Each structure stands twice: as structure tokens, then as C-alpha cells.
């Protein structure tokens, strides 16, 4: 049985992190800084994993904002007004308001379990934790690439 720890070299050591009291705009900035991942991991001051914000969460939020914007007929055709409204909303909401509960894997768990979790939760990467603390990211494509060697 191959464990996550045995393929630790596949884990991206840098996992983009943000505190739960930060804004969604700040989370988006963190996400855009690292194109190797599609998630930002919400942690506390001790690096304990609290939640995840991924592209799917942000797309859902943008879709909701767009629906609300379109309801307002007086500004629905004004793209500048939409961008202003979007910016204000992203700056006013906290990460804790939209983060998903974390699905993570430990170093001692079988790599097959990690792959199962990815499939079950429709994600292509999992945070790897040790005693609840975020230590890296396990990416599905990197696992497949390296396991075929």
C-alpha cells in the first residue's frame, strides 16, 4: 500500500493560505498569485486548516452577484457599475462567509484513499495535513504523472 507520505515529493510544499477574517478580494488576490493551484486554503494563526475557497466557490459567488445585478434594471446594462458593485461586494464579505468545509488527507493515508476523496468530492487537489496543520497540496495530475513512472 502506497501512502500519501511515500509520494510526498508530489505534494506542493507551498499551499496558498489566507486567514478566515480576510476579505474575498484578498483571497482572490492570493489565488491569482499562484497559477499551480485552483484553491486557497483558509487557516488560523496556527496553520490549522479551517476551510477551502476554490474556483467553483468563486464562480458560484460571481453567478449570484450577476443574477442580483441583472434584477436591477436601472444599472443592468452598465458594465462599469457592475464592476464597481462586484468590487464592493468582494471587499465587504469575509472568507469565512463563503469557504467550504475542508476535505483533506493525512500523510499516513493510502494514496488510493486520496484519489477516492478527489473523485468523491469532484476536486483535483487535496490539502495534506499533519495533526490538523496544512503542510502541502496533493495534485491529482501530479500523482498520475509520477505513479506511471
C-alpha atoms as a PDB file:
ATOM      1  CA  UNK A   1       0.000   0.000   0.000  1.00  0.00           C
ATOM      2  CA  UNK A   2       1.455   3.333  -1.092  1.00  0.00           C
ATOM      3  CA  UNK A   3       0.777   6.174   1.348  1.00  0.00           C
ATOM      4  CA  UNK A   4       0.478   9.884   0.762  1.00  0.00           C
ATOM      5  CA  UNK A   5       3.696  10.295   2.747  1.00  0.00           C
ATOM      6  CA  UNK A   6       5.559   7.985   0.362  1.00  0.00           C
ATOM      7  CA  UNK A   7       4.685  10.241  -2.539  1.00  0.00           C
ATOM      8  CA  UNK A   8       5.386  13.363  -0.519  1.00  0.00           C
ATOM      9  CA  UNK A   9       7.620  14.735  -3.262  1.00  0.00           C
ATOM     10  CA  UNK A  10       4.417  15.121  -5.289  1.00  0.00           C
ATOM     11  CA  UNK A  11       2.967  17.479  -2.718  1.00  0.00           C
ATOM     12  CA  UNK A  12       3.376  21.136  -3.476  1.00  0.00           C
ATOM     13  CA  UNK A  13       5.031  22.487  -0.368  1.00  0.00           C
ATOM     14  CA  UNK A  14       3.547  25.908  -0.912  1.00  0.00           C
ATOM     15  CA  UNK A  15      -0.180  25.867  -0.278  1.00  0.00           C
ATOM     16  CA  UNK A  16      -1.740  29.319  -0.744  1.00  0.00           C
ATOM     17  CA  UNK A  17      -3.132  30.337   2.639  1.00  0.00           C
ATOM     18  CA  UNK A  18      -5.399  33.025   3.971  1.00  0.00           C
ATOM     19  CA  UNK A  19      -6.904  33.760   7.381  1.00  0.00           C
ATOM     20  CA  UNK A  20     -10.652  33.456   7.862  1.00  0.00           C
ATOM     21  CA  UNK A  21     -11.064  37.144   8.755  1.00  0.00           C
ATOM     22  CA  UNK A  22      -9.682  38.359   5.404  1.00  0.00           C
ATOM     23  CA  UNK A  23     -11.887  39.513   2.528  1.00  0.00           C
ATOM     24  CA  UNK A  24     -12.874  37.599  -0.566  1.00  0.00           C
ATOM     25  CA  UNK A  25     -10.979  40.166  -2.623  1.00  0.00           C
ATOM     26  CA  UNK A  26      -7.811  39.292  -0.694  1.00  0.00           C
ATOM     27  CA  UNK A  27      -8.466  35.570  -1.241  1.00  0.00           C
ATOM     28  CA  UNK A  28      -8.828  36.193  -4.962  1.00  0.00           C
ATOM     29  CA  UNK A  29      -5.507  38.058  -4.971  1.00  0.00           C
ATOM     30  CA  UNK A  30      -3.831  35.094  -3.251  1.00  0.00           C
ATOM     31  CA  UNK A  31      -5.398  32.652  -5.704  1.00  0.00           C
ATOM     32  CA  UNK A  32      -4.244  34.656  -8.714  1.00  0.00           C
ATOM     33  CA  UNK A  33      -0.666  34.791  -7.409  1.00  0.00           C
ATOM     34  CA  UNK A  34      -0.209  31.020  -7.764  1.00  0.00           C
ATOM     35  CA  UNK A  35      -1.411  29.509 -11.031  1.00  0.00           C
ATOM     36  CA  UNK A  36      -0.383  25.978  -9.975  1.00  0.00           C
ATOM     37  CA  UNK A  37      -3.449  25.617  -7.776  1.00  0.00           C
ATOM     38  CA  UNK A  38      -7.140  26.407  -8.047  1.00  0.00           C
ATOM     39  CA  UNK A  39      -7.692  26.765  -4.301  1.00  0.00           C
ATOM     40  CA  UNK A  40      -6.863  28.993  -1.376  1.00  0.00           C
ATOM     41  CA  UNK A  41      -6.708  27.272   1.992  1.00  0.00           C
ATOM     42  CA  UNK A  42      -8.220  29.027   4.979  1.00  0.00           C
ATOM     43  CA  UNK A  43      -6.140  28.591   8.129  1.00  0.00           C
ATOM     44  CA  UNK A  44      -5.985  30.007  11.626  1.00  0.00           C
ATOM     45  CA  UNK A  45      -2.931  31.581  13.267  1.00  0.00           C
ATOM     46  CA  UNK A  46      -1.507  28.093  13.976  1.00  0.00           C
ATOM     47  CA  UNK A  47      -1.908  26.961  10.332  1.00  0.00           C
ATOM     48  CA  UNK A  48      -4.799  24.655  11.255  1.00  0.00           C
ATOM     49  CA  UNK A  49      -6.914  24.047   8.152  1.00  0.00           C
ATOM     50  CA  UNK A  50     -10.385  25.580   8.564  1.00  0.00           C
ATOM     51  CA  UNK A  51     -11.791  25.657   5.043  1.00  0.00           C
ATOM     52  CA  UNK A  52     -11.198  25.956   1.324  1.00  0.00           C
ATOM     53  CA  UNK A  53     -12.063  28.554  -1.270  1.00  0.00           C
ATOM     54  CA  UNK A  54     -11.744  27.244  -4.789  1.00  0.00           C
ATOM     55  CA  UNK A  55     -12.636  28.370  -8.275  1.00  0.00           C
ATOM     56  CA  UNK A  56     -16.056  26.681  -8.035  1.00  0.00           C
ATOM     57  CA  UNK A  57     -16.953  28.709  -4.925  1.00  0.00           C
ATOM     58  CA  UNK A  58     -15.859  31.947  -6.581  1.00  0.00           C
ATOM     59  CA  UNK A  59     -17.759  31.153  -9.791  1.00  0.00           C
ATOM     60  CA  UNK A  60     -20.899  30.430  -7.774  1.00  0.00           C
ATOM     61  CA  UNK A  61     -20.485  33.739  -5.962  1.00  0.00           C
ATOM     62  CA  UNK A  62     -19.964  35.638  -9.231  1.00  0.00           C
ATOM     63  CA  UNK A  63     -23.050  33.983 -10.705  1.00  0.00           C
ATOM     64  CA  UNK A  64     -25.138  35.015  -7.684  1.00  0.00           C
ATOM     65  CA  UNK A  65     -23.857  38.573  -7.881  1.00  0.00           C
ATOM     66  CA  UNK A  66     -24.610  38.702 -11.607  1.00  0.00           C
ATOM     67  CA  UNK A  67     -28.187  37.493 -11.036  1.00  0.00           C
ATOM     68  CA  UNK A  68     -28.735  40.209  -8.437  1.00  0.00           C
ATOM     69  CA  UNK A  69     -27.202  42.791 -10.720  1.00  0.00           C
ATOM     70  CA  UNK A  70     -29.446  41.800 -13.629  1.00  0.00           C
ATOM     71  CA  UNK A  71     -32.538  42.240 -11.420  1.00  0.00           C
ATOM     72  CA  UNK A  72     -31.700  45.911 -11.070  1.00  0.00           C
ATOM     73  CA  UNK A  73     -32.930  47.153 -14.449  1.00  0.00           C
ATOM     74  CA  UNK A  74     -31.618  50.678 -13.999  1.00  0.00           C
ATOM     75  CA  UNK A  75     -27.969  49.569 -13.983  1.00  0.00           C
ATOM     76  CA  UNK A  76     -28.054  46.135 -15.629  1.00  0.00           C
ATOM     77  CA  UNK A  77     -26.538  47.425 -18.866  1.00  0.00           C
ATOM     78  CA  UNK A  78     -23.791  49.482 -17.211  1.00  0.00           C
ATOM     79  CA  UNK A  79     -20.627  47.352 -17.065  1.00  0.00           C
ATOM     80  CA  UNK A  80     -18.754  49.983 -15.033  1.00  0.00           C
ATOM     81  CA  UNK A  81     -21.498  49.921 -12.403  1.00  0.00           C
ATOM     82  CA  UNK A  82     -21.343  46.123 -12.328  1.00  0.00           C
ATOM     83  CA  UNK A  83     -17.573  46.119 -11.780  1.00  0.00           C
ATOM     84  CA  UNK A  84     -17.950  48.734  -9.032  1.00  0.00           C
ATOM     85  CA  UNK A  85     -20.660  46.661  -7.334  1.00  0.00           C
ATOM     86  CA  UNK A  86     -18.599  43.491  -7.671  1.00  0.00           C
ATOM     87  CA  UNK A  87     -15.530  45.164  -6.180  1.00  0.00           C
ATOM     88  CA  UNK A  88     -17.516  46.449  -3.226  1.00  0.00           C
ATOM     89  CA  UNK A  89     -19.012  43.033  -2.548  1.00  0.00           C
ATOM     90  CA  UNK A  90     -15.671  41.241  -2.771  1.00  0.00           C
ATOM     91  CA  UNK A  91     -14.192  43.735  -0.329  1.00  0.00           C
ATOM     92  CA  UNK A  92     -17.079  43.506   2.122  1.00  0.00           C
ATOM     93  CA  UNK A  93     -17.503  39.744   2.505  1.00  0.00           C
ATOM     94  CA  UNK A  94     -15.146  37.702   4.672  1.00  0.00           C
ATOM     95  CA  UNK A  95     -13.513  34.464   3.612  1.00  0.00           C
ATOM     96  CA  UNK A  96     -15.303  32.664   6.458  1.00  0.00           C
ATOM     97  CA  UNK A  97     -18.649  33.503   4.835  1.00  0.00           C
ATOM     98  CA  UNK A  98     -18.019  31.517   1.643  1.00  0.00           C
ATOM     99  CA  UNK A  99     -15.374  28.902   2.483  1.00  0.00           C
ATOM    100  CA  UNK A 100     -16.222  25.231   2.058  1.00  0.00           C
ATOM    101  CA  UNK A 101     -15.536  22.731   4.821  1.00  0.00           C
ATOM    102  CA  UNK A 102     -12.127  21.192   4.220  1.00  0.00           C
ATOM    103  CA  UNK A 103     -11.686  17.755   2.721  1.00  0.00           C
ATOM    104  CA  UNK A 104      -8.104  16.777   3.425  1.00  0.00           C
ATOM    105  CA  UNK A 105      -5.790  13.810   3.570  1.00  0.00           C
ATOM    106  CA  UNK A 106      -3.086  12.847   6.055  1.00  0.00           C
ATOM    107  CA  UNK A 107       0.435  11.714   5.209  1.00  0.00           C
ATOM    108  CA  UNK A 108      -0.186   8.197   6.533  1.00  0.00           C
ATOM    109  CA  UNK A 109      -3.301   7.570   4.476  1.00  0.00           C
ATOM    110  CA  UNK A 110      -3.158   5.372   1.360  1.00  0.00           C
ATOM    111  CA  UNK A 111      -2.780   7.249  -1.899  1.00  0.00           C
ATOM    112  CA  UNK A 112      -5.809   5.286  -3.120  1.00  0.00           C
ATOM    113  CA  UNK A 113      -7.903   6.962  -0.410  1.00  0.00           C
ATOM    114  CA  UNK A 114      -6.674  10.381  -1.536  1.00  0.00           C
ATOM    115  CA  UNK A 115      -7.698   9.586  -5.118  1.00  0.00           C
ATOM    116  CA  UNK A 116     -11.092   8.331  -3.869  1.00  0.00           C
ATOM    117  CA  UNK A 117     -11.639  11.610  -1.964  1.00  0.00           C
ATOM    118  CA  UNK A 118     -10.777  13.628  -5.062  1.00  0.00           C
ATOM    119  CA  UNK A 119     -13.290  11.665  -7.118  1.00  0.00           C
ATOM    120  CA  UNK A 120     -15.968  11.735  -4.421  1.00  0.00           C
ATOM    121  CA  UNK A 121     -15.700  15.496  -3.886  1.00  0.00           C
ATOM    122  CA  UNK A 122     -15.038  16.461  -7.527  1.00  0.00           C
ATOM    123  CA  UNK A 123     -11.703  18.147  -6.789  1.00  0.00           C
ATOM    124  CA  UNK A 124      -8.328  17.758  -8.465  1.00  0.00           C
ATOM    125  CA  UNK A 125      -6.256  18.593  -5.410  1.00  0.00           C
ATOM    126  CA  UNK A 126      -6.365  17.938  -1.701  1.00  0.00           C
ATOM    127  CA  UNK A 127      -4.730  19.720   1.167  1.00  0.00           C
ATOM    128  CA  UNK A 128      -2.375  17.466   3.105  1.00  0.00           C
ATOM    129  CA  UNK A 129      -2.465  17.904   6.856  1.00  0.00           C
ATOM    130  CA  UNK A 130      -0.363  16.703   9.737  1.00  0.00           C
ATOM    131  CA  UNK A 131      -2.037  16.950  13.137  1.00  0.00           C
ATOM    132  CA  UNK A 132      -4.620  19.251  11.544  1.00  0.00           C
ATOM    133  CA  UNK A 133      -1.988  21.645  10.202  1.00  0.00           C
ATOM    134  CA  UNK A 134      -1.680  22.349   6.487  1.00  0.00           C
ATOM    135  CA  UNK A 135       1.621  21.056   5.088  1.00  0.00           C
ATOM    136  CA  UNK A 136       1.032  20.946   1.329  1.00  0.00           C
ATOM    137  CA  UNK A 137      -1.192  20.077  -1.612  1.00  0.00           C
ATOM    138  CA  UNK A 138      -1.624  16.745  -3.357  1.00  0.00           C
ATOM    139  CA  UNK A 139      -2.499  17.308  -7.018  1.00  0.00           C
ATOM    140  CA  UNK A 140      -4.209  14.514  -8.968  1.00  0.00           C
ATOM    141  CA  UNK A 141      -2.369  15.138 -12.239  1.00  0.00           C
ATOM    142  CA  UNK A 142       0.988  15.122 -10.479  1.00  0.00           C
ATOM    143  CA  UNK A 143       0.089  11.866  -8.723  1.00  0.00           C
ATOM    144  CA  UNK A 144      -0.861  10.175 -12.010  1.00  0.00           C
ATOM    145  CA  UNK A 145       2.202  11.500 -13.801  1.00  0.00           C
ATOM    146  CA  UNK A 146       4.581  10.268 -11.116  1.00  0.00           C
ATOM    147  CA  UNK A 147       2.853   6.929 -10.452  1.00  0.00           C
ATOM    148  CA  UNK A 148       3.143   5.935 -14.127  1.00  0.00           C
ATOM    149  CA  UNK A 149       6.938   6.204 -13.964  1.00  0.00           C
END
